[in-house]
PDB file of N, CA and C in Angstrom:
ATOM      1  N   MET A   1     -32.113 -19.555  36.585  1.00  0.00           N
ATOM      2  CA  MET A   1     -31.333 -18.861  37.575  1.00  0.00           C
ATOM      3  C   MET A   1     -30.372 -17.915  36.882  1.00  0.00           C
ATOM      4  N   GLY A   2     -30.287 -16.749  37.421  1.00  0.00           N
ATOM      5  CA  GLY A   2     -29.419 -15.753  36.812  1.00  0.00           C
ATOM      6  C   GLY A   2     -28.205 -15.466  37.668  1.00  0.00           C
ATOM      7  N   ARG A   3     -27.361 -14.629  37.148  1.00  0.00           N
ATOM      8  CA  ARG A   3     -26.171 -14.233  37.897  1.00  0.00           C
ATOM      9  C   ARG A   3     -26.545 -13.165  38.899  1.00  0.00           C
ATOM     10  N   ILE A   4     -25.834 -13.129  39.982  1.00  0.00           N
ATOM     11  CA  ILE A   4     -26.045 -12.100  40.992  1.00  0.00           C
ATOM     12  C   ILE A   4     -25.260 -10.862  40.569  1.00  0.00           C
ATOM     13  N   LYS A   5     -25.933  -9.722  40.547  1.00  0.00           N
ATOM     14  CA  LYS A   5     -25.299  -8.470  40.147  1.00  0.00           C
ATOM     15  C   LYS A   5     -24.651  -7.808  41.365  1.00  0.00           C
ATOM     16  N   SER A   6     -23.501  -7.201  41.168  1.00  0.00           N
ATOM     17  CA  SER A   6     -22.826  -6.516  42.257  1.00  0.00           C
ATOM     18  C   SER A   6     -23.566  -5.222  42.604  1.00  0.00           C
ATOM     19  N   ILE A   7     -23.308  -4.712  43.775  1.00  0.00           N
ATOM     20  CA  ILE A   7     -23.952  -3.480  44.225  1.00  0.00           C
ATOM     21  C   ILE A   7     -23.558  -2.322  43.316  1.00  0.00           C
ATOM     22  N   ALA A   8     -22.335  -2.330  42.815  1.00  0.00           N
ATOM     23  CA  ALA A   8     -21.893  -1.252  41.924  1.00  0.00           C
ATOM     24  C   ALA A   8     -22.718  -1.232  40.639  1.00  0.00           C
ATOM     25  N   ILE A   9     -23.001  -2.407  40.076  1.00  0.00           N
ATOM     26  CA  ILE A   9     -23.804  -2.497  38.851  1.00  0.00           C
ATOM     27  C   ILE A   9     -25.221  -2.009  39.137  1.00  0.00           C
ATOM     28  N   LYS A  10     -25.787  -2.444  40.268  1.00  0.00           N
ATOM     29  CA  LYS A  10     -27.147  -2.035  40.618  1.00  0.00           C
ATOM     30  C   LYS A  10     -27.227  -0.528  40.830  1.00  0.00           C
ATOM     31  N   ASN A  11     -26.253   0.031  41.542  1.00  0.00           N
ATOM     32  CA  ASN A  11     -26.260   1.477  41.789  1.00  0.00           C
ATOM     33  C   ASN A  11     -26.116   2.258  40.490  1.00  0.00           C
ATOM     34  N   LEU A  12     -25.246   1.805  39.607  1.00  0.00           N
ATOM     35  CA  LEU A  12     -25.055   2.475  38.321  1.00  0.00           C
ATOM     36  C   LEU A  12     -26.326   2.398  37.488  1.00  0.00           C
ATOM     37  N   GLY A  13     -26.944   1.236  37.460  1.00  0.00           N
ATOM     38  CA  GLY A  13     -28.188   1.066  36.709  1.00  0.00           C
ATOM     39  C   GLY A  13     -29.297   1.945  37.253  1.00  0.00           C
ATOM     40  N   LYS A  14     -29.441   1.997  38.567  1.00  0.00           N
ATOM     41  CA  LYS A  14     -30.474   2.835  39.182  1.00  0.00           C
ATOM     42  C   LYS A  14     -30.213   4.312  38.918  1.00  0.00           C
ATOM     43  N   GLU A  15     -28.937   4.693  38.914  1.00  0.00           N
ATOM     44  CA  GLU A  15     -28.565   6.081  38.622  1.00  0.00           C
ATOM     45  C   GLU A  15     -28.959   6.454  37.193  1.00  0.00           C
ATOM     46  N   PHE A  16     -28.696   5.554  36.242  1.00  0.00           N
ATOM     47  CA  PHE A  16     -29.074   5.803  34.845  1.00  0.00           C
ATOM     48  C   PHE A  16     -30.587   5.879  34.700  1.00  0.00           C
ATOM     49  N   ILE A  17     -31.308   4.983  35.361  1.00  0.00           N
ATOM     50  CA  ILE A  17     -32.768   4.991  35.264  1.00  0.00           C
ATOM     51  C   ILE A  17     -33.333   6.273  35.868  1.00  0.00           C
ATOM     52  N   LYS A  18     -32.763   6.697  36.987  1.00  0.00           N
ATOM     53  CA  LYS A  18     -33.241   7.909  37.655  1.00  0.00           C
ATOM     54  C   LYS A  18     -33.016   9.147  36.783  1.00  0.00           C
ATOM     55  N   GLY A  19     -31.865   9.230  36.154  1.00  0.00           N
ATOM     56  CA  GLY A  19     -31.532  10.407  35.361  1.00  0.00           C
ATOM     57  C   GLY A  19     -32.040  10.376  33.939  1.00  0.00           C
ATOM     58  N   HIS A  20     -32.118   9.180  33.353  1.00  0.00           N
ATOM     59  CA  HIS A  20     -32.453   9.051  31.934  1.00  0.00           C
ATOM     60  C   HIS A  20     -33.500   7.969  31.714  1.00  0.00           C
ATOM     61  N   GLY A  21     -34.454   7.848  32.591  1.00  0.00           N
ATOM     62  CA  GLY A  21     -35.444   6.780  32.530  1.00  0.00           C
ATOM     63  C   GLY A  21     -36.235   6.724  31.236  1.00  0.00           C
ATOM     64  N   LYS A  22     -36.477   7.878  30.643  1.00  0.00           N
ATOM     65  CA  LYS A  22     -37.271   7.911  29.406  1.00  0.00           C
ATOM     66  C   LYS A  22     -36.504   7.329  28.222  1.00  0.00           C
ATOM     67  N   ASP A  23     -35.180   7.224  28.320  1.00  0.00           N
ATOM     68  CA  ASP A  23     -34.366   6.696  27.230  1.00  0.00           C
ATOM     69  C   ASP A  23     -34.336   5.177  27.194  1.00  0.00           C
ATOM     70  N   PHE A  24     -34.786   4.519  28.271  1.00  0.00           N
ATOM     71  CA  PHE A  24     -34.682   3.073  28.377  1.00  0.00           C
ATOM     72  C   PHE A  24     -36.041   2.414  28.203  1.00  0.00           C
ATOM     73  N   SER A  25     -35.995   1.146  27.768  1.00  0.00           N
ATOM     74  CA  SER A  25     -37.221   0.372  27.565  1.00  0.00           C
ATOM     75  C   SER A  25     -36.969  -1.059  28.022  1.00  0.00           C
ATOM     76  N   THR A  26     -37.836  -1.963  27.604  1.00  0.00           N
ATOM     77  CA  THR A  26     -37.663  -3.374  27.942  1.00  0.00           C
ATOM     78  C   THR A  26     -36.856  -4.113  26.874  1.00  0.00           C
ATOM     79  N   ASP A  27     -36.275  -3.379  25.934  1.00  0.00           N
ATOM     80  CA  ASP A  27     -35.479  -3.960  24.853  1.00  0.00           C
ATOM     81  C   ASP A  27     -33.993  -3.866  25.197  1.00  0.00           C
ATOM     82  N   PHE A  28     -33.335  -5.015  25.310  1.00  0.00           N
ATOM     83  CA  PHE A  28     -31.923  -5.065  25.693  1.00  0.00           C
ATOM     84  C   PHE A  28     -31.036  -4.321  24.705  1.00  0.00           C
ATOM     85  N   ASP A  29     -31.206  -4.584  23.405  1.00  0.00           N
ATOM     86  CA  ASP A  29     -30.353  -3.945  22.400  1.00  0.00           C
ATOM     87  C   ASP A  29     -30.547  -2.430  22.370  1.00  0.00           C
ATOM     88  N   GLY A  30     -31.770  -1.991  22.549  1.00  0.00           N
ATOM     89  CA  GLY A  30     -32.032  -0.552  22.615  1.00  0.00           C
ATOM     90  C   GLY A  30     -31.380   0.083  23.830  1.00  0.00           C
ATOM     91  N   ASN A  31     -31.378  -0.635  24.946  1.00  0.00           N
ATOM     92  CA  ASN A  31     -30.751  -0.120  26.161  1.00  0.00           C
ATOM     93  C   ASN A  31     -29.237  -0.050  26.019  1.00  0.00           C
ATOM     94  N   LYS A  32     -28.635  -0.995  25.292  1.00  0.00           N
ATOM     95  CA  LYS A  32     -27.189  -0.933  25.040  1.00  0.00           C
ATOM     96  C   LYS A  32     -26.847   0.326  24.258  1.00  0.00           C
ATOM     97  N   GLU A  33     -27.646   0.610  23.239  1.00  0.00           N
ATOM     98  CA  GLU A  33     -27.400   1.804  22.424  1.00  0.00           C
ATOM     99  C   GLU A  33     -27.601   3.073  23.249  1.00  0.00           C
ATOM    100  N   ALA A  34     -28.644   3.090  24.077  1.00  0.00           N
ATOM    101  CA  ALA A  34     -28.915   4.261  24.911  1.00  0.00           C
ATOM    102  C   ALA A  34     -27.770   4.503  25.893  1.00  0.00           C
ATOM    103  N   LEU A  35     -27.213   3.432  26.461  1.00  0.00           N
ATOM    104  CA  LEU A  35     -26.072   3.584  27.363  1.00  0.00           C
ATOM    105  C   LEU A  35     -24.874   4.175  26.627  1.00  0.00           C
ATOM    106  N   GLY A  36     -24.678   3.750  25.384  1.00  0.00           N
ATOM    107  CA  GLY A  36     -23.568   4.280  24.593  1.00  0.00           C
ATOM    108  C   GLY A  36     -23.702   5.766  24.327  1.00  0.00           C
ATOM    109  N   LYS A  37     -24.940   6.245  24.197  1.00  0.00           N
ATOM    110  CA  LYS A  37     -25.165   7.668  23.951  1.00  0.00           C
ATOM    111  C   LYS A  37     -25.030   8.483  25.238  1.00  0.00           C
ATOM    112  N   ILE A  38     -25.403   7.892  26.353  1.00  0.00           N
ATOM    113  CA  ILE A  38     -25.387   8.615  27.625  1.00  0.00           C
ATOM    114  C   ILE A  38     -23.972   8.707  28.179  1.00  0.00           C
ATOM    115  N   ARG A  39     -23.284   7.575  28.225  1.00  0.00           N
ATOM    116  CA  ARG A  39     -21.942   7.551  28.802  1.00  0.00           C
ATOM    117  C   ARG A  39     -21.129   6.446  28.156  1.00  0.00           C
ATOM    118  N   LYS A  40     -19.855   6.725  27.941  1.00  0.00           N
ATOM    119  CA  LYS A  40     -18.949   5.725  27.378  1.00  0.00           C
ATOM    120  C   LYS A  40     -18.525   4.770  28.486  1.00  0.00           C
ATOM    121  N   ILE A  41     -18.886   3.492  28.321  1.00  0.00           N
ATOM    122  CA  ILE A  41     -18.447   2.460  29.253  1.00  0.00           C
ATOM    123  C   ILE A  41     -17.401   1.641  28.517  1.00  0.00           C
ATOM    124  N   ARG A  42     -16.187   1.639  29.046  1.00  0.00           N
ATOM    125  CA  ARG A  42     -15.062   1.042  28.331  1.00  0.00           C
ATOM    126  C   ARG A  42     -15.216  -0.462  28.124  1.00  0.00           C
ATOM    127  N   SER A  43     -15.667  -1.140  29.150  1.00  0.00           N
ATOM    128  CA  SER A  43     -15.764  -2.588  29.081  1.00  0.00           C
ATOM    129  C   SER A  43     -17.080  -3.014  28.433  1.00  0.00           C
ATOM    130  N   LYS A  44     -16.973  -3.806  27.381  1.00  0.00           N
ATOM    131  CA  LYS A  44     -18.159  -4.303  26.684  1.00  0.00           C
ATOM    132  C   LYS A  44     -18.991  -5.171  27.624  1.00  0.00           C
ATOM    133  N   LYS A  45     -18.327  -5.982  28.428  1.00  0.00           N
ATOM    134  CA  LYS A  45     -19.027  -6.860  29.364  1.00  0.00           C
ATOM    135  C   LYS A  45     -19.806  -6.049  30.392  1.00  0.00           C
ATOM    136  N   ASN A  46     -19.178  -5.026  30.965  1.00  0.00           N
ATOM    137  CA  ASN A  46     -19.867  -4.198  31.958  1.00  0.00           C
ATOM    138  C   ASN A  46     -21.045  -3.449  31.353  1.00  0.00           C
ATOM    139  N   ARG A  47     -20.884  -2.981  30.125  1.00  0.00           N
ATOM    140  CA  ARG A  47     -21.994  -2.310  29.445  1.00  0.00           C
ATOM    141  C   ARG A  47     -23.172  -3.261  29.291  1.00  0.00           C
ATOM    142  N   ASN A  48     -22.886  -4.491  28.896  1.00  0.00           N
ATOM    143  CA  ASN A  48     -23.942  -5.474  28.708  1.00  0.00           C
ATOM    144  C   ASN A  48     -24.604  -5.854  30.032  1.00  0.00           C
ATOM    145  N   VAL A  49     -23.818  -5.950  31.097  1.00  0.00           N
ATOM    146  CA  VAL A  49     -24.381  -6.292  32.405  1.00  0.00           C
ATOM    147  C   VAL A  49     -25.295  -5.167  32.886  1.00  0.00           C
ATOM    148  N   VAL A  50     -24.853  -3.926  32.736  1.00  0.00           N
ATOM    149  CA  VAL A  50     -25.675  -2.785  33.152  1.00  0.00           C
ATOM    150  C   VAL A  50     -26.937  -2.707  32.292  1.00  0.00           C
ATOM    151  N   ALA A  51     -26.804  -2.916  30.997  1.00  0.00           N
ATOM    152  CA  ALA A  51     -27.970  -2.885  30.102  1.00  0.00           C
ATOM    153  C   ALA A  51     -28.952  -3.997  30.474  1.00  0.00           C
ATOM    154  N   GLY A  52     -28.444  -5.155  30.827  1.00  0.00           N
ATOM    155  CA  GLY A  52     -29.302  -6.254  31.255  1.00  0.00           C
ATOM    156  C   GLY A  52     -30.030  -5.939  32.542  1.00  0.00           C
ATOM    157  N   TYR A  53     -29.334  -5.319  33.473  1.00  0.00           N
ATOM    158  CA  TYR A  53     -29.965  -4.944  34.739  1.00  0.00           C
ATOM    159  C   TYR A  53     -31.053  -3.892  34.501  1.00  0.00           C
ATOM    160  N   ILE A  54     -30.760  -2.919  33.659  1.00  0.00           N
ATOM    161  CA  ILE A  54     -31.748  -1.877  33.351  1.00  0.00           C
ATOM    162  C   ILE A  54     -32.966  -2.497  32.673  1.00  0.00           C
ATOM    163  N   THR A  55     -32.748  -3.434  31.749  1.00  0.00           N
ATOM    164  CA  THR A  55     -33.852  -4.110  31.072  1.00  0.00           C
ATOM    165  C   THR A  55     -34.723  -4.839  32.084  1.00  0.00           C
ATOM    166  N   LYS A  56     -34.087  -5.544  33.008  1.00  0.00           N
ATOM    167  CA  LYS A  56     -34.818  -6.277  34.043  1.00  0.00           C
ATOM    168  C   LYS A  56     -35.641  -5.324  34.909  1.00  0.00           C
ATOM    169  N   GLU A  57     -35.049  -4.203  35.302  1.00  0.00           N
ATOM    170  CA  GLU A  57     -35.752  -3.229  36.137  1.00  0.00           C
ATOM    171  C   GLU A  57     -36.928  -2.594  35.391  1.00  0.00           C
ATOM    172  N   MET A  58     -36.740  -2.307  34.101  1.00  0.00           N
ATOM    173  CA  MET A  58     -37.813  -1.700  33.320  1.00  0.00           C
ATOM    174  C   MET A  58     -38.972  -2.678  33.140  1.00  0.00           C
ATOM    175  N   LYS A  59     -38.669  -3.965  32.959  1.00  0.00           N
ATOM    176  CA  LYS A  59     -39.728  -4.975  32.868  1.00  0.00           C
ATOM    177  C   LYS A  59     -40.481  -5.074  34.186  1.00  0.00           C
ATOM    178  N   LYS A  60     -39.737  -5.008  35.299  1.00  0.00           N
ATOM    179  CA  LYS A  60     -40.371  -5.078  36.609  1.00  0.00           C
ATOM    180  C   LYS A  60     -41.267  -3.860  36.835  1.00  0.00           C
ATOM    181  N   ARG A  61     -40.804  -2.689  36.447  1.00  0.00           N
ATOM    182  CA  ARG A  61     -41.610  -1.475  36.599  1.00  0.00           C
ATOM    183  C   ARG A  61     -42.846  -1.518  35.710  1.00  0.00           C
ATOM    184  N   LYS A  62     -42.706  -2.093  34.526  1.00  0.00           N
ATOM    185  CA  LYS A  62     -43.851  -2.211  33.617  1.00  0.00           C
ATOM    186  C   LYS A  62     -44.907  -3.132  34.211  1.00  0.00           C
ATOM    187  N   ARG A  63     -44.470  -4.252  34.791  1.00  0.00           N
ATOM    188  CA  ARG A  63     -45.410  -5.178  35.431  1.00  0.00           C
ATOM    189  C   ARG A  63     -46.125  -4.519  36.592  1.00  0.00           C
ATOM    190  N   MET A  64     -45.394  -3.704  37.350  1.00  0.00           N
ATOM    191  CA  MET A  64     -45.967  -3.038  38.524  1.00  0.00           C
ATOM    192  C   MET A  64     -46.806  -1.825  38.138  1.00  0.00           C
ATOM    193  N   GLY A  65     -46.687  -1.366  36.901  1.00  0.00           N
ATOM    194  CA  GLY A  65     -47.457  -0.217  36.442  1.00  0.00           C
ATOM    195  C   GLY A  65     -46.832   1.115  36.768  1.00  0.00           C
ATOM    196  N   ASN A  66     -45.514   1.130  36.996  1.00  0.00           N
ATOM    197  CA  ASN A  66     -44.812   2.359  37.369  1.00  0.00           C
ATOM    198  C   ASN A  66     -44.160   3.068  36.185  1.00  0.00           C
ATOM    199  N   VAL A  67     -44.411   2.632  34.981  1.00  0.00           N
ATOM    200  CA  VAL A  67     -43.757   3.270  33.827  1.00  0.00           C
ATOM    201  C   VAL A  67     -44.694   4.258  33.180  1.00  0.00           C
TER     202      VAL A  67
END
């Protein structure tokens, strides 16, 4: 069981995927670095939560064949 993500985190993650989808993959550490290059997120925890959400979405898209 995982944590429930807030709507703000989901919207931010979807916005990043929509604008910079080619920069993200199914690798969490790579997504953290990509977020750092795209936009400075002050909170380390929030950066990690957004990177985790993006990783989850990219894995889901890969399974569905949308990547």
